[in-house]
Amino acid sequence: MKLPPYSLQEARKIRDEHNHIIGLCYDRESETSVDMVIVTPHDENSMNRFLMLYVMLNDAEAALSMDYCGSQYDVTVVSGTALAAGIDHCSLHEWLAGRGEDAKICSHSDAASA
């Protein structure tokens, strides 16, 4: 299993492979659901800047391309929308690990070659 950080191509592939979690319960303590799975910068400072842009633009791809010039990415699970009162977010790896599913983060090509 490959852990973050990812290349942009890897992050997009992992995001696409995990879009099926949209609509599932975001956490066990609340009644919120997963609204998006998005590619984000990996480092904390860039992530914070990205989230500010994401909330302003309501567009993850635009927020990422406008400000981030790095090469290390993560895949983030989001509950709430940029237009709502706020958003909750965590790394896909953390989200799956919290459900005992951390082994499920791998691309299908990685699993086939293992």
PDB file of N, CA and C in Angstrom:
ATOM      1  N   MET A   1       0.850  -1.184   0.000  1.00  0.00           N
ATOM      2  CA  MET A   1       0.000   0.000   0.000  1.00  0.00           C
ATOM      3  C   MET A   1       0.889   1.238   0.000  1.00  0.00           C
ATOM      4  N   LYS A   2       0.634   2.129  -0.898  1.00  0.00           N
ATOM      5  CA  LYS A   2       1.389   3.374  -0.972  1.00  0.00           C
ATOM      6  C   LYS A   2       0.672   4.446  -0.167  1.00  0.00           C
ATOM      7  N   LEU A   3       1.420   5.101   0.678  1.00  0.00           N
ATOM      8  CA  LEU A   3       0.875   6.183   1.496  1.00  0.00           C
ATOM      9  C   LEU A   3       1.216   7.524   0.859  1.00  0.00           C
ATOM     10  N   PRO A   4       0.473   8.589   1.217  1.00  0.00           N
ATOM     11  CA  PRO A   4       0.800   9.913   0.690  1.00  0.00           C
ATOM     12  C   PRO A   4       2.175  10.343   1.183  1.00  0.00           C
ATOM     13  N   PRO A   5       2.851  11.192   0.437  1.00  0.00           N
ATOM     14  CA  PRO A   5       2.362  11.977  -0.699  1.00  0.00           C
ATOM     15  C   PRO A   5       2.362  11.178  -2.001  1.00  0.00           C
ATOM     16  N   TYR A   6       1.523  11.664  -2.911  1.00  0.00           N
ATOM     17  CA  TYR A   6       1.381  11.072  -4.226  1.00  0.00           C
ATOM     18  C   TYR A   6       1.786  12.077  -5.298  1.00  0.00           C
ATOM     19  N   SER A   7       2.082  11.572  -6.489  1.00  0.00           N
ATOM     20  CA  SER A   7       2.208  12.457  -7.642  1.00  0.00           C
ATOM     21  C   SER A   7       0.785  12.898  -8.007  1.00  0.00           C
ATOM     22  N   LEU A   8       0.669  13.904  -8.846  1.00  0.00           N
ATOM     23  CA  LEU A   8      -0.657  14.372  -9.261  1.00  0.00           C
ATOM     24  C   LEU A   8      -1.421  13.257  -9.970  1.00  0.00           C
ATOM     25  N   GLN A   9      -0.748  12.534 -10.829  1.00  0.00           N
ATOM     26  CA  GLN A   9      -1.392  11.446 -11.570  1.00  0.00           C
ATOM     27  C   GLN A   9      -1.878  10.355 -10.610  1.00  0.00           C
ATOM     28  N   GLU A  10      -1.043   9.978  -9.639  1.00  0.00           N
ATOM     29  CA  GLU A  10      -1.455   8.972  -8.658  1.00  0.00           C
ATOM     30  C   GLU A  10      -2.651   9.451  -7.841  1.00  0.00           C
ATOM     31  N   ALA A  11      -2.599  10.709  -7.397  1.00  0.00           N
ATOM     32  CA  ALA A  11      -3.684  11.259  -6.574  1.00  0.00           C
ATOM     33  C   ALA A  11      -4.999  11.274  -7.343  1.00  0.00           C
ATOM     34  N   ARG A  12      -4.961  11.661  -8.593  1.00  0.00           N
ATOM     35  CA  ARG A  12      -6.193  11.683  -9.401  1.00  0.00           C
ATOM     36  C   ARG A  12      -6.754  10.283  -9.596  1.00  0.00           C
ATOM     37  N   LYS A  13      -5.879   9.324  -9.798  1.00  0.00           N
ATOM     38  CA  LYS A  13      -6.326   7.942  -9.970  1.00  0.00           C
ATOM     39  C   LYS A  13      -6.958   7.420  -8.675  1.00  0.00           C
ATOM     40  N   ILE A  14      -6.325   7.674  -7.550  1.00  0.00           N
ATOM     41  CA  ILE A  14      -6.861   7.235  -6.252  1.00  0.00           C
ATOM     42  C   ILE A  14      -8.192   7.921  -5.970  1.00  0.00           C
ATOM     43  N   ARG A  15      -8.264   9.225  -6.253  1.00  0.00           N
ATOM     44  CA  ARG A  15      -9.540   9.946  -6.088  1.00  0.00           C
ATOM     45  C   ARG A  15     -10.637   9.281  -6.905  1.00  0.00           C
ATOM     46  N   ASP A  16     -10.357   9.015  -8.172  1.00  0.00           N
ATOM     47  CA  ASP A  16     -11.357   8.412  -9.046  1.00  0.00           C
ATOM     48  C   ASP A  16     -11.780   7.033  -8.548  1.00  0.00           C
ATOM     49  N   GLU A  17     -10.835   6.275  -8.000  1.00  0.00           N
ATOM     50  CA  GLU A  17     -11.131   4.931  -7.501  1.00  0.00           C
ATOM     51  C   GLU A  17     -11.921   4.949  -6.192  1.00  0.00           C
ATOM     52  N   HIS A  18     -11.980   6.103  -5.530  1.00  0.00           N
ATOM     53  CA  HIS A  18     -12.678   6.177  -4.248  1.00  0.00           C
ATOM     54  C   HIS A  18     -13.899   7.104  -4.275  1.00  0.00           C
ATOM     55  N   ASN A  19     -14.326   7.515  -5.443  1.00  0.00           N
ATOM     56  CA  ASN A  19     -15.532   8.342  -5.531  1.00  0.00           C
ATOM     57  C   ASN A  19     -16.778   7.599  -5.045  1.00  0.00           C
ATOM     58  N   HIS A  20     -16.702   6.283  -4.965  1.00  0.00           N
ATOM     59  CA  HIS A  20     -17.850   5.500  -4.493  1.00  0.00           C
ATOM     60  C   HIS A  20     -18.178   5.761  -3.023  1.00  0.00           C
ATOM     61  N   ILE A  21     -17.282   6.395  -2.275  1.00  0.00           N
ATOM     62  CA  ILE A  21     -17.569   6.667  -0.854  1.00  0.00           C
ATOM     63  C   ILE A  21     -18.443   7.913  -0.678  1.00  0.00           C
ATOM     64  N   ILE A  22     -18.651   8.677  -1.759  1.00  0.00           N
ATOM     65  CA  ILE A  22     -19.524   9.855  -1.672  1.00  0.00           C
ATOM     66  C   ILE A  22     -20.918   9.390  -1.250  1.00  0.00           C
ATOM     67  N   GLY A  23     -21.449  10.055  -0.241  1.00  0.00           N
ATOM     68  CA  GLY A  23     -22.754   9.689   0.293  1.00  0.00           C
ATOM     69  C   GLY A  23     -22.683   8.831   1.539  1.00  0.00           C
ATOM     70  N   LEU A  24     -21.520   8.211   1.797  1.00  0.00           N
ATOM     71  CA  LEU A  24     -21.371   7.433   3.024  1.00  0.00           C
ATOM     72  C   LEU A  24     -21.227   8.374   4.213  1.00  0.00           C
ATOM     73  N   CYS A  25     -21.389   7.849   5.405  1.00  0.00           N
ATOM     74  CA  CYS A  25     -21.265   8.631   6.628  1.00  0.00           C
ATOM     75  C   CYS A  25     -19.828   9.137   6.765  1.00  0.00           C
ATOM     76  N   TYR A  26     -19.671  10.445   6.997  1.00  0.00           N
ATOM     77  CA  TYR A  26     -18.329  11.033   7.121  1.00  0.00           C
ATOM     78  C   TYR A  26     -17.624  10.551   8.383  1.00  0.00           C
ATOM     79  N   ASP A  27     -18.318  10.594   9.510  1.00  0.00           N
ATOM     80  CA  ASP A  27     -17.748  10.067  10.746  1.00  0.00           C
ATOM     81  C   ASP A  27     -18.844   9.425  11.579  1.00  0.00           C
ATOM     82  N   ARG A  28     -18.437   8.710  12.577  1.00  0.00           N
ATOM     83  CA  ARG A  28     -19.399   7.937  13.368  1.00  0.00           C
ATOM     84  C   ARG A  28     -20.147   8.784  14.383  1.00  0.00           C
ATOM     85  N   GLU A  29     -19.655   9.981  14.670  1.00  0.00           N
ATOM     86  CA  GLU A  29     -20.270  10.821  15.693  1.00  0.00           C
ATOM     87  C   GLU A  29     -21.330  11.778  15.143  1.00  0.00           C
ATOM     88  N   SER A  30     -21.355  11.984  13.870  1.00  0.00           N
ATOM     89  CA  SER A  30     -22.301  12.961  13.313  1.00  0.00           C
ATOM     90  C   SER A  30     -23.166  12.316  12.241  1.00  0.00           C
ATOM     91  N   GLU A  31     -24.095  13.070  11.762  1.00  0.00           N
ATOM     92  CA  GLU A  31     -24.972  12.580  10.703  1.00  0.00           C
ATOM     93  C   GLU A  31     -24.578  13.144   9.347  1.00  0.00           C
ATOM     94  N   THR A  32     -23.376  13.670   9.241  1.00  0.00           N
ATOM     95  CA  THR A  32     -22.925  14.236   7.975  1.00  0.00           C
ATOM     96  C   THR A  32     -22.424  13.132   7.054  1.00  0.00           C
ATOM     97  N   SER A  33     -22.417  13.427   5.779  1.00  0.00           N
ATOM     98  CA  SER A  33     -21.971  12.443   4.802  1.00  0.00           C
ATOM     99  C   SER A  33     -20.779  12.983   4.017  1.00  0.00           C
ATOM    100  N   VAL A  34     -20.111  12.090   3.327  1.00  0.00           N
ATOM    101  CA  VAL A  34     -19.015  12.467   2.439  1.00  0.00           C
ATOM    102  C   VAL A  34     -19.634  13.134   1.219  1.00  0.00           C
ATOM    103  N   ASP A  35     -19.204  14.364   0.955  1.00  0.00           N
ATOM    104  CA  ASP A  35     -19.741  15.102  -0.187  1.00  0.00           C
ATOM    105  C   ASP A  35     -18.800  15.113  -1.381  1.00  0.00           C
ATOM    106  N   MET A  36     -17.505  15.009  -1.112  1.00  0.00           N
ATOM    107  CA  MET A  36     -16.536  15.038  -2.208  1.00  0.00           C
ATOM    108  C   MET A  36     -15.285  14.277  -1.812  1.00  0.00           C
ATOM    109  N   VAL A  37     -14.591  13.783  -2.819  1.00  0.00           N
ATOM    110  CA  VAL A  37     -13.240  13.248  -2.666  1.00  0.00           C
ATOM    111  C   VAL A  37     -12.401  14.061  -3.640  1.00  0.00           C
ATOM    112  N   ILE A  38     -11.395  14.781  -3.114  1.00  0.00           N
ATOM    113  CA  ILE A  38     -10.663  15.739  -3.949  1.00  0.00           C
ATOM    114  C   ILE A  38      -9.157  15.564  -3.809  1.00  0.00           C
ATOM    115  N   VAL A  39      -8.438  16.012  -4.808  1.00  0.00           N
ATOM    116  CA  VAL A  39      -6.980  16.061  -4.777  1.00  0.00           C
ATOM    117  C   VAL A  39      -6.572  17.380  -4.133  1.00  0.00           C
ATOM    118  N   THR A  40      -5.640  17.299  -3.175  1.00  0.00           N
ATOM    119  CA  THR A  40      -5.195  18.482  -2.441  1.00  0.00           C
ATOM    120  C   THR A  40      -3.677  18.469  -2.313  1.00  0.00           C
ATOM    121  N   PRO A  41      -3.083  19.624  -1.984  1.00  0.00           N
ATOM    122  CA  PRO A  41      -1.657  19.636  -1.669  1.00  0.00           C
ATOM    123  C   PRO A  41      -1.398  18.770  -0.433  1.00  0.00           C
ATOM    124  N   HIS A  42      -0.221  18.198  -0.347  1.00  0.00           N
ATOM    125  CA  HIS A  42       0.092  17.312   0.774  1.00  0.00           C
ATOM    126  C   HIS A  42       0.524  18.073   2.027  1.00  0.00           C
ATOM    127  N   ASP A  43       1.306  19.129   1.878  1.00  0.00           N
ATOM    128  CA  ASP A  43       1.823  19.816   3.069  1.00  0.00           C
ATOM    129  C   ASP A  43       0.756  20.720   3.690  1.00  0.00           C
ATOM    130  N   GLU A  44       0.861  20.913   4.999  1.00  0.00           N
ATOM    131  CA  GLU A  44      -0.185  21.607   5.759  1.00  0.00           C
ATOM    132  C   GLU A  44      -0.395  23.055   5.332  1.00  0.00           C
ATOM    133  N   ASN A  45       0.680  23.818   5.127  1.00  0.00           N
ATOM    134  CA  ASN A  45       0.534  25.223   4.728  1.00  0.00           C
ATOM    135  C   ASN A  45      -0.168  25.354   3.374  1.00  0.00           C
ATOM    136  N   SER A  46       0.258  24.560   2.418  1.00  0.00           N
ATOM    137  CA  SER A  46      -0.376  24.603   1.093  1.00  0.00           C
ATOM    138  C   SER A  46      -1.818  24.126   1.167  1.00  0.00           C
ATOM    139  N   MET A  47      -2.072  23.141   2.013  1.00  0.00           N
ATOM    140  CA  MET A  47      -3.443  22.642   2.192  1.00  0.00           C
ATOM    141  C   MET A  47      -4.344  23.745   2.742  1.00  0.00           C
ATOM    142  N   ASN A  48      -3.864  24.490   3.725  1.00  0.00           N
ATOM    143  CA  ASN A  48      -4.658  25.576   4.294  1.00  0.00           C
ATOM    144  C   ASN A  48      -4.972  26.651   3.261  1.00  0.00           C
ATOM    145  N   ARG A  49      -3.978  27.005   2.455  1.00  0.00           N
ATOM    146  CA  ARG A  49      -4.203  27.989   1.381  1.00  0.00           C
ATOM    147  C   ARG A  49      -5.193  27.441   0.361  1.00  0.00           C
ATOM    148  N   PHE A  50      -5.020  26.178   0.007  1.00  0.00           N
ATOM    149  CA  PHE A  50      -5.932  25.528  -0.931  1.00  0.00           C
ATOM    150  C   PHE A  50      -7.362  25.576  -0.410  1.00  0.00           C
ATOM    151  N   LEU A  51      -7.563  25.236   0.860  1.00  0.00           N
ATOM    152  CA  LEU A  51      -8.915  25.207   1.424  1.00  0.00           C
ATOM    153  C   LEU A  51      -9.567  26.583   1.398  1.00  0.00           C
ATOM    154  N   MET A  52      -8.781  27.637   1.652  1.00  0.00           N
ATOM    155  CA  MET A  52      -9.342  28.992   1.561  1.00  0.00           C
ATOM    156  C   MET A  52      -9.813  29.279   0.139  1.00  0.00           C
ATOM    157  N   LEU A  53      -8.990  28.933  -0.846  1.00  0.00           N
ATOM    158  CA  LEU A  53      -9.386  29.131  -2.240  1.00  0.00           C
ATOM    159  C   LEU A  53     -10.571  28.248  -2.613  1.00  0.00           C
ATOM    160  N   TYR A  54     -10.557  27.032  -2.146  1.00  0.00           N
ATOM    161  CA  TYR A  54     -11.649  26.110  -2.444  1.00  0.00           C
ATOM    162  C   TYR A  54     -12.982  26.663  -1.931  1.00  0.00           C
ATOM    163  N   VAL A  55     -12.974  27.186  -0.731  1.00  0.00           N
ATOM    164  CA  VAL A  55     -14.202  27.762  -0.170  1.00  0.00           C
ATOM    165  C   VAL A  55     -14.643  28.977  -0.984  1.00  0.00           C
ATOM    166  N   MET A  56     -13.690  29.806  -1.407  1.00  0.00           N
ATOM    167  CA  MET A  56     -14.032  30.993  -2.200  1.00  0.00           C
ATOM    168  C   MET A  56     -14.558  30.635  -3.595  1.00  0.00           C
ATOM    169  N   LEU A  57     -13.931  29.645  -4.230  1.00  0.00           N
ATOM    170  CA  LEU A  57     -14.247  29.304  -5.615  1.00  0.00           C
ATOM    171  C   LEU A  57     -15.292  28.197  -5.761  1.00  0.00           C
ATOM    172  N   ASN A  58     -15.437  27.385  -4.713  1.00  0.00           N
ATOM    173  CA  ASN A  58     -16.310  26.211  -4.758  1.00  0.00           C
ATOM    174  C   ASN A  58     -15.913  25.292  -5.915  1.00  0.00           C
ATOM    175  N   ASP A  59     -14.597  25.181  -6.156  1.00  0.00           N
ATOM    176  CA  ASP A  59     -14.082  24.375  -7.263  1.00  0.00           C
ATOM    177  C   ASP A  59     -12.693  23.874  -6.880  1.00  0.00           C
ATOM    178  N   ALA A  60     -12.578  22.593  -6.581  1.00  0.00           N
ATOM    179  CA  ALA A  60     -11.313  22.023  -6.114  1.00  0.00           C
ATOM    180  C   ALA A  60     -10.224  22.089  -7.181  1.00  0.00           C
ATOM    181  N   GLU A  61     -10.565  21.756  -8.422  1.00  0.00           N
ATOM    182  CA  GLU A  61      -9.558  21.773  -9.492  1.00  0.00           C
ATOM    183  C   GLU A  61      -9.021  23.181  -9.729  1.00  0.00           C
ATOM    184  N   ALA A  62      -9.911  24.166  -9.738  1.00  0.00           N
ATOM    185  CA  ALA A  62      -9.480  25.554  -9.941  1.00  0.00           C
ATOM    186  C   ALA A  62      -8.614  26.026  -8.777  1.00  0.00           C
ATOM    187  N   ALA A  63      -9.004  25.698  -7.558  1.00  0.00           N
ATOM    188  CA  ALA A  63      -8.225  26.105  -6.387  1.00  0.00           C
ATOM    189  C   ALA A  63      -6.836  25.488  -6.424  1.00  0.00           C
ATOM    190  N   LEU A  64      -6.749  24.255  -6.849  1.00  0.00           N
ATOM    191  CA  LEU A  64      -5.459  23.568  -6.913  1.00  0.00           C
ATOM    192  C   LEU A  64      -4.561  24.172  -7.983  1.00  0.00           C
ATOM    193  N   SER A  65      -5.112  24.434  -9.143  1.00  0.00           N
ATOM    194  CA  SER A  65      -4.297  24.940 -10.250  1.00  0.00           C
ATOM    195  C   SER A  65      -3.915  26.412 -10.087  1.00  0.00           C
ATOM    196  N   MET A  66      -4.695  27.176  -9.325  1.00  0.00           N
ATOM    197  CA  MET A  66      -4.416  28.609  -9.169  1.00  0.00           C
ATOM    198  C   MET A  66      -3.224  28.905  -8.270  1.00  0.00           C
ATOM    199  N   ASP A  67      -2.998  28.084  -7.275  1.00  0.00           N
ATOM    200  CA  ASP A  67      -2.045  28.489  -6.245  1.00  0.00           C
ATOM    201  C   ASP A  67      -0.933  27.487  -5.975  1.00  0.00           C
ATOM    202  N   TYR A  68      -1.150  26.219  -6.227  1.00  0.00           N
ATOM    203  CA  TYR A  68      -0.174  25.208  -5.811  1.00  0.00           C
ATOM    204  C   TYR A  68       0.778  24.869  -6.941  1.00  0.00           C
ATOM    205  N   CYS A  69       2.067  25.001  -6.665  1.00  0.00           N
ATOM    206  CA  CYS A  69       3.097  24.693  -7.662  1.00  0.00           C
ATOM    207  C   CYS A  69       3.949  23.502  -7.251  1.00  0.00           C
ATOM    208  N   GLY A  70       3.595  22.850  -6.157  1.00  0.00           N
ATOM    209  CA  GLY A  70       4.380  21.726  -5.649  1.00  0.00           C
ATOM    210  C   GLY A  70       4.133  20.457  -6.439  1.00  0.00           C
ATOM    211  N   SER A  71       4.747  19.380  -5.964  1.00  0.00           N
ATOM    212  CA  SER A  71       4.633  18.106  -6.661  1.00  0.00           C
ATOM    213  C   SER A  71       4.159  16.980  -5.752  1.00  0.00           C
ATOM    214  N   GLN A  72       3.777  17.314  -4.523  1.00  0.00           N
ATOM    215  CA  GLN A  72       3.315  16.291  -3.582  1.00  0.00           C
ATOM    216  C   GLN A  72       1.841  16.534  -3.257  1.00  0.00           C
ATOM    217  N   TYR A  73       1.042  15.492  -3.475  1.00  0.00           N
ATOM    218  CA  TYR A  73      -0.405  15.615  -3.349  1.00  0.00           C
ATOM    219  C   TYR A  73      -0.954  14.577  -2.383  1.00  0.00           C
ATOM    220  N   ASP A  74      -2.168  14.839  -1.937  1.00  0.00           N
ATOM    221  CA  ASP A  74      -2.908  13.910  -1.099  1.00  0.00           C
ATOM    222  C   ASP A  74      -4.311  13.816  -1.677  1.00  0.00           C
ATOM    223  N   VAL A  75      -5.081  12.874  -1.189  1.00  0.00           N
ATOM    224  CA  VAL A  75      -6.484  12.750  -1.557  1.00  0.00           C
ATOM    225  C   VAL A  75      -7.266  12.995  -0.275  1.00  0.00           C
ATOM    226  N   THR A  76      -8.227  13.906  -0.337  1.00  0.00           N
ATOM    227  CA  THR A  76      -8.937  14.371   0.852  1.00  0.00           C
ATOM    228  C   THR A  76     -10.429  14.102   0.739  1.00  0.00           C
ATOM    229  N   VAL A  77     -10.989  13.651   1.851  1.00  0.00           N
ATOM    230  CA  VAL A  77     -12.420  13.404   1.965  1.00  0.00           C
ATOM    231  C   VAL A  77     -13.039  14.650   2.579  1.00  0.00           C
ATOM    232  N   VAL A  78     -14.121  15.159   1.963  1.00  0.00           N
ATOM    233  CA  VAL A  78     -14.750  16.409   2.396  1.00  0.00           C
ATOM    234  C   VAL A  78     -16.216  16.160   2.742  1.00  0.00           C
ATOM    235  N   SER A  79     -16.621  16.722   3.874  1.00  0.00           N
ATOM    236  CA  SER A  79     -18.025  16.731   4.261  1.00  0.00           C
ATOM    237  C   SER A  79     -18.465  18.181   4.338  1.00  0.00           C
ATOM    238  N   GLY A  80     -19.590  18.489   3.734  1.00  0.00           N
ATOM    239  CA  GLY A  80     -20.033  19.874   3.645  1.00  0.00           C
ATOM    240  C   GLY A  80     -19.627  20.424   2.294  1.00  0.00           C
ATOM    241  N   THR A  81     -20.083  21.624   1.994  1.00  0.00           N
ATOM    242  CA  THR A  81     -19.732  22.248   0.726  1.00  0.00           C
ATOM    243  C   THR A  81     -19.137  23.613   0.984  1.00  0.00           C
ATOM    244  N   ALA A  82     -18.476  24.130  -0.005  1.00  0.00           N
ATOM    245  CA  ALA A  82     -17.870  25.448   0.121  1.00  0.00           C
ATOM    246  C   ALA A  82     -18.935  26.515   0.345  1.00  0.00           C
ATOM    247  N   LEU A  83     -20.148  26.263  -0.087  1.00  0.00           N
ATOM    248  CA  LEU A  83     -21.227  27.235   0.072  1.00  0.00           C
ATOM    249  C   LEU A  83     -21.934  27.101   1.418  1.00  0.00           C
ATOM    250  N   ALA A  84     -21.695  26.012   2.122  1.00  0.00           N
ATOM    251  CA  ALA A  84     -22.332  25.788   3.422  1.00  0.00           C
ATOM    252  C   ALA A  84     -21.561  26.539   4.510  1.00  0.00           C
ATOM    253  N   ALA A  85     -21.999  26.389   5.723  1.00  0.00           N
ATOM    254  CA  ALA A  85     -21.378  27.089   6.857  1.00  0.00           C
ATOM    255  C   ALA A  85     -19.929  26.674   7.066  1.00  0.00           C
ATOM    256  N   GLY A  86     -19.556  25.537   6.631  1.00  0.00           N
ATOM    257  CA  GLY A  86     -18.180  25.085   6.794  1.00  0.00           C
ATOM    258  C   GLY A  86     -18.004  23.685   6.244  1.00  0.00           C
ATOM    259  N   ILE A  87     -16.754  23.266   6.197  1.00  0.00           N
ATOM    260  CA  ILE A  87     -16.464  21.933   5.713  1.00  0.00           C
ATOM    261  C   ILE A  87     -15.596  21.208   6.736  1.00  0.00           C
ATOM    262  N   ASP A  88     -15.760  19.908   6.787  1.00  0.00           N
ATOM    263  CA  ASP A  88     -14.865  19.030   7.527  1.00  0.00           C
ATOM    264  C   ASP A  88     -14.070  18.274   6.489  1.00  0.00           C
ATOM    265  N   HIS A  89     -12.843  17.951   6.814  1.00  0.00           N
ATOM    266  CA  HIS A  89     -12.011  17.231   5.853  1.00  0.00           C
ATOM    267  C   HIS A  89     -10.963  16.411   6.571  1.00  0.00           C
ATOM    268  N   CYS A  90     -10.513  15.364   5.922  1.00  0.00           N
ATOM    269  CA  CYS A  90      -9.383  14.579   6.397  1.00  0.00           C
ATOM    270  C   CYS A  90      -8.809  13.819   5.211  1.00  0.00           C
ATOM    271  N   SER A  91      -7.604  13.362   5.381  1.00  0.00           N
ATOM    272  CA  SER A  91      -6.952  12.565   4.353  1.00  0.00           C
ATOM    273  C   SER A  91      -7.758  11.287   4.106  1.00  0.00           C
ATOM    274  N   LEU A  92      -7.836  10.863   2.861  1.00  0.00           N
ATOM    275  CA  LEU A  92      -8.508   9.610   2.535  1.00  0.00           C
ATOM    276  C   LEU A  92      -7.906   8.470   3.337  1.00  0.00           C
ATOM    277  N   HIS A  93      -6.588   8.460   3.460  1.00  0.00           N
ATOM    278  CA  HIS A  93      -5.920   7.414   4.235  1.00  0.00           C
ATOM    279  C   HIS A  93      -6.426   7.396   5.673  1.00  0.00           C
ATOM    280  N   GLU A  94      -6.528   8.569   6.311  1.00  0.00           N
ATOM    281  CA  GLU A  94      -7.039   8.654   7.680  1.00  0.00           C
ATOM    282  C   GLU A  94      -8.494   8.211   7.740  1.00  0.00           C
ATOM    283  N   TRP A  95      -9.290   8.634   6.765  1.00  0.00           N
ATOM    284  CA  TRP A  95     -10.714   8.299   6.753  1.00  0.00           C
ATOM    285  C   TRP A  95     -10.909   6.788   6.667  1.00  0.00           C
ATOM    286  N   LEU A  96     -10.181   6.143   5.762  1.00  0.00           N
ATOM    287  CA  LEU A  96     -10.301   4.696   5.623  1.00  0.00           C
ATOM    288  C   LEU A  96      -9.736   3.967   6.839  1.00  0.00           C
ATOM    289  N   ALA A  97      -8.620   4.452   7.367  1.00  0.00           N
ATOM    290  CA  ALA A  97      -8.017   3.817   8.539  1.00  0.00           C
ATOM    291  C   ALA A  97      -8.962   3.877   9.736  1.00  0.00           C
ATOM    292  N   GLY A  98      -9.720   4.946   9.859  1.00  0.00           N
ATOM    293  CA  GLY A  98     -10.682   5.079  10.941  1.00  0.00           C
ATOM    294  C   GLY A  98     -11.821   4.078  10.836  1.00  0.00           C
ATOM    295  N   ARG A  99     -11.938   3.454   9.692  1.00  0.00           N
ATOM    296  CA  ARG A  99     -12.966   2.449   9.478  1.00  0.00           C
ATOM    297  C   ARG A  99     -12.377   1.060   9.323  1.00  0.00           C
ATOM    298  N   GLY A 100     -11.070   0.935   9.615  1.00  0.00           N
ATOM    299  CA  GLY A 100     -10.405  -0.352   9.471  1.00  0.00           C
ATOM    300  C   GLY A 100     -10.214  -0.757   8.032  1.00  0.00           C
ATOM    301  N   GLU A 101     -10.170   0.217   7.127  1.00  0.00           N
ATOM    302  CA  GLU A 101     -10.088  -0.077   5.700  1.00  0.00           C
ATOM    303  C   GLU A 101      -8.820   0.497   5.072  1.00  0.00           C
ATOM    304  N   ASP A 102      -7.767   0.732   5.884  1.00  0.00           N
ATOM    305  CA  ASP A 102      -6.574   1.379   5.332  1.00  0.00           C
ATOM    306  C   ASP A 102      -5.918   0.545   4.239  1.00  0.00           C
ATOM    307  N   ALA A 103      -6.108  -0.741   4.237  1.00  0.00           N
ATOM    308  CA  ALA A 103      -5.496  -1.585   3.211  1.00  0.00           C
ATOM    309  C   ALA A 103      -6.147  -1.382   1.844  1.00  0.00           C
ATOM    310  N   LYS A 104      -7.280  -0.696   1.791  1.00  0.00           N
ATOM    311  CA  LYS A 104      -7.986  -0.531   0.526  1.00  0.00           C
ATOM    312  C   LYS A 104      -7.451   0.646  -0.284  1.00  0.00           C
ATOM    313  N   ILE A 105      -6.471   1.382   0.223  1.00  0.00           N
ATOM    314  CA  ILE A 105      -5.882   2.463  -0.578  1.00  0.00           C
ATOM    315  C   ILE A 105      -4.780   1.858  -1.427  1.00  0.00           C
ATOM    316  N   CYS A 106      -5.086   1.542  -2.620  1.00  0.00           N
ATOM    317  CA  CYS A 106      -4.086   1.119  -3.587  1.00  0.00           C
ATOM    318  C   CYS A 106      -4.740   1.198  -4.944  1.00  0.00           C
ATOM    319  N   SER A 107      -3.947   1.470  -5.945  1.00  0.00           N
ATOM    320  CA  SER A 107      -4.526   1.496  -7.276  1.00  0.00           C
ATOM    321  C   SER A 107      -4.694   0.048  -7.728  1.00  0.00           C
ATOM    322  N   HIS A 108      -5.616  -0.166  -8.635  1.00  0.00           N
ATOM    323  CA  HIS A 108      -5.858  -1.515  -9.113  1.00  0.00           C
ATOM    324  C   HIS A 108      -4.619  -2.082  -9.800  1.00  0.00           C
ATOM    325  N   SER A 109      -3.831  -1.246 -10.444  1.00  0.00           N
ATOM    326  CA  SER A 109      -2.629  -1.729 -11.104  1.00  0.00           C
ATOM    327  C   SER A 109      -1.589  -2.154 -10.074  1.00  0.00           C
ATOM    328  N   ASP A 110      -1.510  -1.439  -8.914  1.00  0.00           N
ATOM    329  CA  ASP A 110      -0.590  -1.822  -7.847  1.00  0.00           C
ATOM    330  C   ASP A 110      -1.007  -3.169  -7.280  1.00  0.00           C
ATOM    331  N   ALA A 111      -2.291  -3.371  -7.078  1.00  0.00           N
ATOM    332  CA  ALA A 111      -2.787  -4.611  -6.494  1.00  0.00           C
ATOM    333  C   ALA A 111      -2.525  -5.795  -7.449  1.00  0.00           C
ATOM    334  N   ALA A 112      -2.653  -5.535  -8.738  1.00  0.00           N
ATOM    335  CA  ALA A 112      -2.438  -6.600  -9.707  1.00  0.00           C
ATOM    336  C   ALA A 112      -0.968  -7.004  -9.795  1.00  0.00           C
ATOM    337  N   SER A 113      -0.082  -6.036  -9.570  1.00  0.00           N
ATOM    338  CA  SER A 113       1.342  -6.341  -9.680  1.00  0.00           C
ATOM    339  C   SER A 113       1.909  -6.888  -8.393  1.00  0.00           C
ATOM    340  N   ALA A 114       1.170  -6.828  -7.286  1.00  0.00           N
ATOM    341  CA  ALA A 114       1.675  -7.308  -5.997  1.00  0.00           C
ATOM    342  C   ALA A 114       1.581  -8.813  -5.884  1.00  0.00           C
TER     343      ALA A 114
END
